[in-house]
Amino acid sequence: MTEWQWLDFNSIPNADLYEMLRQRQEVFVIEQQCFYSDMDGYDQAAHHLLGWQSVDGKRTLAAYLRCIAPGIKYPEMSLGRVLTTQAARGSGAGRQLIAEGIRHAEALHPGHRIRIGAQSHLEKFYGSVGFKAVGEPYDEDGIPHLEMLR
């Protein structure tokens, strides 16, 4: 079972913020070997979805994404920094994360489309939840990506 938190940046408890940033670094910088600045200036204006699971009695971050309002990064709202921790992969947490993220984002910004920059190998996954590829594939930090809209 996953406990979901949907919070603006200033409402994230310090320990949860630390774990969120630690997991983003673990997945995007270390695991994927992409050396880039994760702190890009968008977090403070975003809402964040954190999915917590209990592992051996300990509350553990299993999944995460952020939602950026329309007009800040793209004309549409944006979901990004989507991750499922290594320990939670294969549990369905990723699919739950996207469903929860879409639900919360659409409630926060009704009537707006959602844009994502998806890793190309996840096109079928995102397609299964209503996203469609737009434009040409591009390289981001050595990983092929696609812009997708819902």
C-alpha atoms as a PDB file:
ATOM      1  CA  MET A   1       0.000   0.000   0.000  1.00  0.00           C
ATOM      2  CA  THR A   2       1.239   3.474  -0.880  1.00  0.00           C
ATOM      3  CA  GLU A   3       0.556   6.639   1.126  1.00  0.00           C
ATOM      4  CA  TRP A   4       0.403   9.623  -1.262  1.00  0.00           C
ATOM      5  CA  GLN A   5       1.341  13.189  -0.332  1.00  0.00           C
ATOM      6  CA  TRP A   6       0.555  16.079  -2.725  1.00  0.00           C
ATOM      7  CA  LEU A   7       2.350  19.148  -1.422  1.00  0.00           C
ATOM      8  CA  ASP A   8       3.595  22.522  -2.553  1.00  0.00           C
ATOM      9  CA  PHE A   9       7.324  23.003  -2.000  1.00  0.00           C
ATOM     10  CA  ASN A  10       7.002  25.021   1.220  1.00  0.00           C
ATOM     11  CA  SER A  11       4.780  22.361   2.807  1.00  0.00           C
ATOM     12  CA  ILE A  12       7.227  19.466   2.394  1.00  0.00           C
ATOM     13  CA  PRO A  13       8.684  18.524   5.792  1.00  0.00           C
ATOM     14  CA  ASN A  14      12.471  18.874   5.850  1.00  0.00           C
ATOM     15  CA  ALA A  15      13.150  15.146   6.269  1.00  0.00           C
ATOM     16  CA  ASP A  16      10.813  14.333   3.356  1.00  0.00           C
ATOM     17  CA  LEU A  17      12.411  17.026   1.186  1.00  0.00           C
ATOM     18  CA  TYR A  18      15.836  15.580   1.913  1.00  0.00           C
ATOM     19  CA  GLU A  19      14.660  12.068   0.964  1.00  0.00           C
ATOM     20  CA  MET A  20      12.975  13.365  -2.209  1.00  0.00           C
ATOM     21  CA  LEU A  21      16.159  15.108  -3.346  1.00  0.00           C
ATOM     22  CA  ARG A  22      18.302  12.128  -2.324  1.00  0.00           C
ATOM     23  CA  GLN A  23      16.192   9.748  -4.414  1.00  0.00           C
ATOM     24  CA  ARG A  24      16.230  12.099  -7.410  1.00  0.00           C
ATOM     25  CA  GLN A  25      20.024  12.164  -7.205  1.00  0.00           C
ATOM     26  CA  GLU A  26      20.163   8.381  -6.728  1.00  0.00           C
ATOM     27  CA  VAL A  27      17.997   7.648  -9.800  1.00  0.00           C
ATOM     28  CA  PHE A  28      18.812  10.432 -12.242  1.00  0.00           C
ATOM     29  CA  VAL A  29      22.461  11.198 -11.456  1.00  0.00           C
ATOM     30  CA  ILE A  30      24.001   8.031 -10.018  1.00  0.00           C
ATOM     31  CA  GLU A  31      21.920   5.184 -11.478  1.00  0.00           C
ATOM     32  CA  GLN A  32      21.477   6.750 -14.924  1.00  0.00           C
ATOM     33  CA  GLN A  33      24.963   8.276 -14.830  1.00  0.00           C
ATOM     34  CA  CYS A  34      23.727  11.704 -15.945  1.00  0.00           C
ATOM     35  CA  PHE A  35      25.821  14.452 -14.475  1.00  0.00           C
ATOM     36  CA  TYR A  36      23.535  17.480 -14.488  1.00  0.00           C
ATOM     37  CA  SER A  37      22.158  19.990 -12.022  1.00  0.00           C
ATOM     38  CA  ASP A  38      18.951  18.453 -10.672  1.00  0.00           C
ATOM     39  CA  MET A  39      18.077  21.651  -8.837  1.00  0.00           C
ATOM     40  CA  ASP A  40      16.830  23.623 -11.818  1.00  0.00           C
ATOM     41  CA  GLY A  41      14.834  26.400 -10.167  1.00  0.00           C
ATOM     42  CA  TYR A  42      11.403  24.853 -10.812  1.00  0.00           C
ATOM     43  CA  ASP A  43      10.901  23.007  -7.515  1.00  0.00           C
ATOM     44  CA  GLN A  44       9.810  26.037  -5.500  1.00  0.00           C
ATOM     45  CA  ALA A  45       6.909  26.753  -7.889  1.00  0.00           C
ATOM     46  CA  ALA A  46       5.890  23.100  -8.269  1.00  0.00           C
ATOM     47  CA  HIS A  47       3.588  20.718  -6.474  1.00  0.00           C
ATOM     48  CA  HIS A  48       5.195  17.443  -5.502  1.00  0.00           C
ATOM     49  CA  LEU A  49       3.688  13.974  -5.289  1.00  0.00           C
ATOM     50  CA  LEU A  50       5.500  11.642  -2.921  1.00  0.00           C
ATOM     51  CA  GLY A  51       4.524   7.992  -2.589  1.00  0.00           C
ATOM     52  CA  TRP A  52       5.574   6.342   0.665  1.00  0.00           C
ATOM     53  CA  GLN A  53       5.601   2.619   1.426  1.00  0.00           C
ATOM     54  CA  SER A  54       6.486   0.706   4.549  1.00  0.00           C
ATOM     55  CA  VAL A  55       9.562  -1.486   4.110  1.00  0.00           C
ATOM     56  CA  ASP A  56      10.545  -3.561   7.148  1.00  0.00           C
ATOM     57  CA  GLY A  57       8.487  -1.184   9.298  1.00  0.00           C
ATOM     58  CA  LYS A  58      10.260   1.906   7.945  1.00  0.00           C
ATOM     59  CA  ARG A  59       8.529   4.647   5.926  1.00  0.00           C
ATOM     60  CA  THR A  60      10.354   4.704   2.581  1.00  0.00           C
ATOM     61  CA  LEU A  61       9.944   6.877  -0.492  1.00  0.00           C
ATOM     62  CA  ALA A  62       8.888   4.563  -3.343  1.00  0.00           C
ATOM     63  CA  ALA A  63       7.779   6.994  -6.059  1.00  0.00           C
ATOM     64  CA  TYR A  64       7.891  10.696  -6.843  1.00  0.00           C
ATOM     65  CA  LEU A  65       6.998  13.333  -9.435  1.00  0.00           C
ATOM     66  CA  ARG A  66       6.542  17.068  -9.629  1.00  0.00           C
ATOM     67  CA  CYS A  67       3.892  19.147 -11.372  1.00  0.00           C
ATOM     68  CA  ILE A  68       4.747  22.542 -12.811  1.00  0.00           C
ATOM     69  CA  ALA A  69       1.885  24.940 -13.539  1.00  0.00           C
ATOM     70  CA  PRO A  70       1.008  25.973 -17.089  1.00  0.00           C
ATOM     71  CA  GLY A  71       3.080  28.877 -18.397  1.00  0.00           C
ATOM     72  CA  ILE A  72       6.118  28.317 -16.187  1.00  0.00           C
ATOM     73  CA  LYS A  73       8.111  25.747 -18.152  1.00  0.00           C
ATOM     74  CA  TYR A  74       5.721  25.033 -21.049  1.00  0.00           C
ATOM     75  CA  PRO A  75       2.391  26.509 -22.163  1.00  0.00           C
ATOM     76  CA  GLU A  76       0.841  23.305 -20.720  1.00  0.00           C
ATOM     77  CA  MET A  77       1.283  22.017 -17.211  1.00  0.00           C
ATOM     78  CA  SER A  78       4.194  19.620 -16.887  1.00  0.00           C
ATOM     79  CA  LEU A  79       4.875  16.435 -14.977  1.00  0.00           C
ATOM     80  CA  GLY A  80       8.539  15.706 -14.494  1.00  0.00           C
ATOM     81  CA  ARG A  81      11.260  14.164 -12.384  1.00  0.00           C
ATOM     82  CA  VAL A  82       9.104  11.027 -12.460  1.00  0.00           C
ATOM     83  CA  LEU A  83      10.782   8.208 -10.587  1.00  0.00           C
ATOM     84  CA  THR A  84      10.181   4.880  -8.956  1.00  0.00           C
ATOM     85  CA  THR A  85      12.919   3.833  -6.573  1.00  0.00           C
ATOM     86  CA  GLN A  86      14.840   0.690  -7.357  1.00  0.00           C
ATOM     87  CA  ALA A  87      13.263  -1.149  -4.421  1.00  0.00           C
ATOM     88  CA  ALA A  88       9.715  -0.319  -5.606  1.00  0.00           C
ATOM     89  CA  ARG A  89      10.127  -1.201  -9.292  1.00  0.00           C
ATOM     90  CA  GLY A  90       7.888  -3.998 -10.481  1.00  0.00           C
ATOM     91  CA  SER A  91       5.378  -3.340  -7.683  1.00  0.00           C
ATOM     92  CA  GLY A  92       2.993  -1.220  -9.759  1.00  0.00           C
ATOM     93  CA  ALA A  93       4.082   1.928  -7.910  1.00  0.00           C
ATOM     94  CA  GLY A  94       5.046   3.652 -11.191  1.00  0.00           C
ATOM     95  CA  ARG A  95       1.627   3.170 -12.755  1.00  0.00           C
ATOM     96  CA  GLN A  96      -0.042   4.306  -9.506  1.00  0.00           C
ATOM     97  CA  LEU A  97       2.259   7.338  -9.419  1.00  0.00           C
ATOM     98  CA  ILE A  98       1.273   8.451 -12.912  1.00  0.00           C
ATOM     99  CA  ALA A  99      -2.443   7.901 -12.214  1.00  0.00           C
ATOM    100  CA  GLU A 100      -2.240   9.890  -8.959  1.00  0.00           C
ATOM    101  CA  GLY A 101      -0.118  12.574 -10.611  1.00  0.00           C
ATOM    102  CA  ILE A 102      -2.573  13.042 -13.477  1.00  0.00           C
ATOM    103  CA  ARG A 103      -5.531  13.126 -11.081  1.00  0.00           C
ATOM    104  CA  HIS A 104      -3.947  15.739  -8.804  1.00  0.00           C
ATOM    105  CA  ALA A 105      -2.547  17.821 -11.688  1.00  0.00           C
ATOM    106  CA  GLU A 106      -5.882  17.945 -13.514  1.00  0.00           C
ATOM    107  CA  ALA A 107      -7.658  18.952 -10.292  1.00  0.00           C
ATOM    108  CA  LEU A 108      -5.092  21.701  -9.654  1.00  0.00           C
ATOM    109  CA  HIS A 109      -5.062  22.992 -13.250  1.00  0.00           C
ATOM    110  CA  PRO A 110      -8.401  21.951 -14.806  1.00  0.00           C
ATOM    111  CA  GLY A 111      -8.738  22.217 -18.572  1.00  0.00           C
ATOM    112  CA  HIS A 112      -4.990  22.213 -19.251  1.00  0.00           C
ATOM    113  CA  ARG A 113      -3.079  19.612 -21.195  1.00  0.00           C
ATOM    114  CA  ILE A 114      -0.075  17.859 -19.637  1.00  0.00           C
ATOM    115  CA  ARG A 115       3.358  17.835 -21.296  1.00  0.00           C
ATOM    116  CA  ILE A 116       6.140  15.452 -20.339  1.00  0.00           C
ATOM    117  CA  GLY A 117       9.665  14.885 -21.590  1.00  0.00           C
ATOM    118  CA  ALA A 118       9.706  11.079 -21.464  1.00  0.00           C
ATOM    119  CA  GLN A 119      12.629   8.754 -21.876  1.00  0.00           C
ATOM    120  CA  SER A 120      12.017   7.151 -25.276  1.00  0.00           C
ATOM    121  CA  HIS A 121      11.956   3.592 -23.940  1.00  0.00           C
ATOM    122  CA  LEU A 122       8.912   4.563 -21.830  1.00  0.00           C
ATOM    123  CA  GLU A 123       6.808   5.752 -24.794  1.00  0.00           C
ATOM    124  CA  LYS A 124       4.540   2.695 -24.689  1.00  0.00           C
ATOM    125  CA  PHE A 125       4.039   3.026 -20.917  1.00  0.00           C
ATOM    126  CA  TYR A 126       3.065   6.696 -21.158  1.00  0.00           C
ATOM    127  CA  GLY A 127       0.970   5.952 -24.241  1.00  0.00           C
ATOM    128  CA  SER A 128      -1.040   3.503 -22.151  1.00  0.00           C
ATOM    129  CA  VAL A 129      -2.152   6.365 -19.890  1.00  0.00           C
ATOM    130  CA  GLY A 130      -3.118   8.740 -22.683  1.00  0.00           C
ATOM    131  CA  PHE A 131       0.090  10.519 -23.683  1.00  0.00           C
ATOM    132  CA  LYS A 132       0.969  10.890 -27.379  1.00  0.00           C
ATOM    133  CA  ALA A 133       4.422  11.635 -28.780  1.00  0.00           C
ATOM    134  CA  VAL A 134       4.835  15.055 -30.397  1.00  0.00           C
ATOM    135  CA  GLY A 135       7.858  16.291 -32.302  1.00  0.00           C
ATOM    136  CA  GLU A 136      11.097  14.480 -32.925  1.00  0.00           C
ATOM    137  CA  PRO A 137      13.130  12.447 -30.437  1.00  0.00           C
ATOM    138  CA  TYR A 138      15.919  14.412 -28.756  1.00  0.00           C
ATOM    139  CA  ASP A 139      18.928  13.710 -26.570  1.00  0.00           C
ATOM    140  CA  GLU A 140      18.846  14.870 -22.964  1.00  0.00           C
ATOM    141  CA  ASP A 141      21.974  14.144 -20.956  1.00  0.00           C
ATOM    142  CA  GLY A 142      22.858  11.195 -23.190  1.00  0.00           C
ATOM    143  CA  ILE A 143      19.399   9.558 -22.947  1.00  0.00           C
ATOM    144  CA  PRO A 144      16.913   9.573 -25.866  1.00  0.00           C
ATOM    145  CA  HIS A 145      13.699  11.448 -24.967  1.00  0.00           C
ATOM    146  CA  LEU A 146      10.350  12.331 -26.520  1.00  0.00           C
ATOM    147  CA  GLU A 147       8.002  15.197 -25.832  1.00  0.00           C
ATOM    148  CA  MET A 148       4.539  13.765 -25.111  1.00  0.00           C
ATOM    149  CA  LEU A 149       1.155  15.423 -24.561  1.00  0.00           C
ATOM    150  CA  ARG A 150      -2.032  14.291 -22.832  1.00  0.00           C
END
